[in-house]
Amino acid sequence: MPDGQTSPNNGESANTDGLITLADAAERLGVSVRTVRRLIGYGYLPGYRIGPRVLRVHRDDVEAAVRRLPGRYDGA
């Protein structure tokens, strides 16, 4: 398959350009690889299987998983 093309996977297509390892995702999030696997399992972070054993996550999904919590300050 030529570079830049995506291959269908159960009706979905995924671009592998932005995929990173679980170790890289864990480092970006400041958590363990085991926690990243849990986030994938719980559905908080989409994972992509490459072959029977390799699991990756998309860089943008990792960044989107981090969200700011509202503070106690109410502006008054």
N, C-alpha and C. Protein backbone atom coordinates (compact mmCIF):
# COMPACT_ATOMS: atom_id res chain seq x y z
N MET A 1 0.86 -1.17 0.00
CA MET A 1 0.00 0.00 0.00
C MET A 1 0.90 1.23 0.00
N PRO A 2 0.62 2.22 -0.86
CA PRO A 2 1.46 3.41 -0.90
C PRO A 2 1.40 4.20 0.39
N ASP A 3 2.47 4.96 0.67
CA ASP A 3 2.50 5.79 1.88
C ASP A 3 1.38 6.81 1.86
N GLY A 4 0.85 7.14 3.05
CA GLY A 4 -0.19 8.13 3.16
C GLY A 4 -1.59 7.58 3.03
N GLN A 5 -1.73 6.34 2.60
CA GLN A 5 -3.05 5.74 2.50
C GLN A 5 -3.38 4.99 3.77
N THR A 6 -4.66 4.86 4.03
CA THR A 6 -5.11 4.12 5.20
C THR A 6 -5.75 2.84 4.75
N SER A 7 -5.71 1.85 5.60
CA SER A 7 -6.35 0.59 5.27
C SER A 7 -7.59 0.41 6.12
N PRO A 8 -8.66 -0.12 5.55
CA PRO A 8 -9.88 -0.30 6.33
C PRO A 8 -9.71 -1.35 7.41
N ASN A 9 -10.33 -1.11 8.56
CA ASN A 9 -10.27 -2.04 9.68
C ASN A 9 -11.66 -2.10 10.29
N ASN A 10 -12.42 -3.10 9.89
CA ASN A 10 -13.80 -3.25 10.37
C ASN A 10 -14.63 -1.99 10.09
N GLY A 11 -14.52 -1.45 8.90
CA GLY A 11 -15.30 -0.29 8.54
C GLY A 11 -14.68 1.02 8.95
N GLU A 12 -13.58 1.00 9.68
CA GLU A 12 -12.90 2.21 10.11
C GLU A 12 -11.58 2.31 9.38
N SER A 13 -11.12 3.52 9.16
CA SER A 13 -9.78 3.69 8.61
C SER A 13 -8.98 4.50 9.61
N ALA A 14 -7.73 4.11 9.78
CA ALA A 14 -6.87 4.79 10.74
C ALA A 14 -5.59 5.21 10.05
N ASN A 15 -5.18 6.44 10.27
CA ASN A 15 -3.92 6.93 9.74
C ASN A 15 -2.85 6.62 10.77
N THR A 16 -1.83 5.88 10.37
CA THR A 16 -0.80 5.45 11.32
C THR A 16 0.26 6.50 11.55
N ASP A 17 0.17 7.66 10.89
CA ASP A 17 1.19 8.69 11.05
C ASP A 17 1.29 9.21 12.48
N GLY A 18 0.17 9.34 13.19
CA GLY A 18 0.19 9.92 14.52
C GLY A 18 0.19 8.90 15.64
N LEU A 19 0.38 7.63 15.32
CA LEU A 19 0.35 6.60 16.37
C LEU A 19 1.65 6.59 17.14
N ILE A 20 1.53 6.44 18.47
CA ILE A 20 2.69 6.39 19.34
C ILE A 20 2.59 5.15 20.23
N THR A 21 3.69 4.77 20.82
CA THR A 21 3.71 3.60 21.69
C THR A 21 3.00 3.91 23.01
N LEU A 22 2.65 2.86 23.72
CA LEU A 22 2.03 3.04 25.03
C LEU A 22 3.02 3.67 26.01
N ALA A 23 4.28 3.36 25.85
CA ALA A 23 5.31 3.96 26.71
C ALA A 23 5.40 5.47 26.47
N ASP A 24 5.33 5.88 25.21
CA ASP A 24 5.34 7.32 24.91
C ASP A 24 4.09 8.00 25.46
N ALA A 25 2.94 7.35 25.32
CA ALA A 25 1.70 7.92 25.85
C ALA A 25 1.77 8.03 27.37
N ALA A 26 2.31 7.02 28.02
CA ALA A 26 2.44 7.04 29.48
C ALA A 26 3.35 8.18 29.93
N GLU A 27 4.43 8.39 29.21
CA GLU A 27 5.35 9.47 29.54
C GLU A 27 4.67 10.83 29.38
N ARG A 28 3.91 11.02 28.30
CA ARG A 28 3.21 12.28 28.07
C ARG A 28 2.18 12.56 29.15
N LEU A 29 1.52 11.49 29.63
CA LEU A 29 0.47 11.64 30.65
C LEU A 29 1.03 11.62 32.07
N GLY A 30 2.26 11.17 32.24
CA GLY A 30 2.85 11.08 33.57
C GLY A 30 2.28 9.93 34.38
N VAL A 31 1.95 8.84 33.68
CA VAL A 31 1.41 7.64 34.33
C VAL A 31 2.18 6.43 33.84
N SER A 32 1.81 5.25 34.33
CA SER A 32 2.48 4.03 33.91
C SER A 32 1.83 3.47 32.64
N VAL A 33 2.56 2.57 31.96
CA VAL A 33 2.02 1.90 30.79
C VAL A 33 0.78 1.09 31.18
N ARG A 34 0.80 0.52 32.37
CA ARG A 34 -0.35 -0.23 32.85
C ARG A 34 -1.59 0.66 32.95
N THR A 35 -1.41 1.89 33.40
CA THR A 35 -2.53 2.83 33.48
C THR A 35 -3.04 3.18 32.09
N VAL A 36 -2.14 3.34 31.12
CA VAL A 36 -2.57 3.61 29.74
C VAL A 36 -3.40 2.43 29.23
N ARG A 37 -2.97 1.21 29.52
CA ARG A 37 -3.74 0.03 29.11
C ARG A 37 -5.12 0.04 29.76
N ARG A 38 -5.20 0.45 31.01
CA ARG A 38 -6.49 0.55 31.70
C ARG A 38 -7.38 1.59 31.03
N LEU A 39 -6.80 2.75 30.69
CA LEU A 39 -7.56 3.80 30.02
C LEU A 39 -8.14 3.30 28.70
N ILE A 40 -7.37 2.50 27.98
CA ILE A 40 -7.86 1.91 26.73
C ILE A 40 -8.98 0.93 27.04
N GLY A 41 -8.77 0.08 28.03
CA GLY A 41 -9.78 -0.93 28.40
C GLY A 41 -11.09 -0.33 28.88
N TYR A 42 -11.01 0.79 29.59
CA TYR A 42 -12.22 1.45 30.10
C TYR A 42 -12.90 2.31 29.05
N GLY A 43 -12.23 2.51 27.90
CA GLY A 43 -12.82 3.28 26.82
C GLY A 43 -12.53 4.77 26.88
N TYR A 44 -11.66 5.20 27.78
CA TYR A 44 -11.30 6.62 27.86
C TYR A 44 -10.31 7.02 26.77
N LEU A 45 -9.58 6.06 26.25
CA LEU A 45 -8.55 6.31 25.26
C LEU A 45 -8.65 5.24 24.18
N PRO A 46 -8.88 5.62 22.92
CA PRO A 46 -8.95 4.61 21.86
C PRO A 46 -7.58 4.02 21.56
N GLY A 47 -7.54 2.72 21.39
CA GLY A 47 -6.30 2.03 21.05
C GLY A 47 -6.42 1.42 19.67
N TYR A 48 -5.28 1.22 19.03
CA TYR A 48 -5.24 0.66 17.68
C TYR A 48 -4.32 -0.56 17.67
N ARG A 49 -4.86 -1.68 17.25
CA ARG A 49 -4.09 -2.93 17.20
C ARG A 49 -3.40 -3.01 15.84
N ILE A 50 -2.12 -3.29 15.86
CA ILE A 50 -1.35 -3.50 14.64
C ILE A 50 -0.83 -4.92 14.71
N GLY A 51 -1.44 -5.80 13.96
CA GLY A 51 -1.09 -7.21 14.04
C GLY A 51 -1.65 -7.83 15.30
N PRO A 52 -1.20 -9.01 15.66
CA PRO A 52 -1.79 -9.70 16.81
C PRO A 52 -1.33 -9.18 18.18
N ARG A 53 -0.20 -8.45 18.24
CA ARG A 53 0.34 -8.08 19.54
C ARG A 53 0.59 -6.59 19.77
N VAL A 54 0.83 -5.85 18.72
CA VAL A 54 1.24 -4.45 18.85
C VAL A 54 0.03 -3.56 19.08
N LEU A 55 0.10 -2.73 20.10
CA LEU A 55 -0.97 -1.80 20.45
C LEU A 55 -0.40 -0.40 20.47
N ARG A 56 -1.09 0.53 19.82
CA ARG A 56 -0.66 1.93 19.77
C ARG A 56 -1.85 2.83 20.07
N VAL A 57 -1.55 4.08 20.38
CA VAL A 57 -2.58 5.10 20.58
C VAL A 57 -2.21 6.29 19.70
N HIS A 58 -3.21 7.08 19.38
CA HIS A 58 -2.96 8.26 18.55
C HIS A 58 -2.55 9.43 19.44
N ARG A 59 -1.54 10.15 19.02
CA ARG A 59 -1.01 11.29 19.77
C ARG A 59 -2.11 12.29 20.13
N ASP A 60 -3.00 12.61 19.18
CA ASP A 60 -4.08 13.57 19.42
C ASP A 60 -5.07 13.06 20.47
N ASP A 61 -5.32 11.74 20.49
CA ASP A 61 -6.22 11.16 21.48
C ASP A 61 -5.64 11.27 22.89
N VAL A 62 -4.32 11.12 22.99
CA VAL A 62 -3.65 11.24 24.29
C VAL A 62 -3.81 12.68 24.80
N GLU A 63 -3.56 13.64 23.92
CA GLU A 63 -3.70 15.04 24.31
C GLU A 63 -5.15 15.36 24.69
N ALA A 64 -6.11 14.79 23.97
CA ALA A 64 -7.52 15.04 24.24
C ALA A 64 -7.98 14.39 25.55
N ALA A 65 -7.28 13.35 25.98
CA ALA A 65 -7.66 12.65 27.21
C ALA A 65 -7.41 13.51 28.44
N VAL A 66 -6.52 14.47 28.32
CA VAL A 66 -6.21 15.37 29.43
C VAL A 66 -7.20 16.52 29.37
N ARG A 67 -7.96 16.70 30.43
CA ARG A 67 -8.91 17.80 30.45
C ARG A 67 -8.82 18.53 31.78
N ARG A 68 -9.05 19.80 31.73
CA ARG A 68 -8.97 20.64 32.91
C ARG A 68 -10.23 20.48 33.75
N LEU A 69 -10.04 20.36 35.05
CA LEU A 69 -11.17 20.27 35.96
C LEU A 69 -11.54 21.68 36.44
N PRO A 70 -12.81 21.92 36.63
CA PRO A 70 -13.21 23.25 37.12
C PRO A 70 -12.68 23.46 38.53
N GLY A 71 -12.24 24.69 38.80
CA GLY A 71 -11.73 25.03 40.12
C GLY A 71 -12.84 25.46 41.05
N ARG A 72 -12.48 25.73 42.26
CA ARG A 72 -13.46 26.16 43.26
C ARG A 72 -13.76 27.65 43.16
N TYR A 73 -12.91 28.37 42.46
CA TYR A 73 -13.10 29.80 42.33
C TYR A 73 -14.34 30.09 41.49
N ASP A 74 -15.26 30.86 42.03
CA ASP A 74 -16.52 31.12 41.31
C ASP A 74 -16.55 32.49 40.66
N GLY A 75 -15.48 33.26 40.75
CA GLY A 75 -15.39 34.55 40.10
C GLY A 75 -15.93 35.71 40.96
N ALA A 76 -16.40 35.46 42.16
CA ALA A 76 -16.95 36.54 43.00
C ALA A 76 -15.90 37.12 43.90
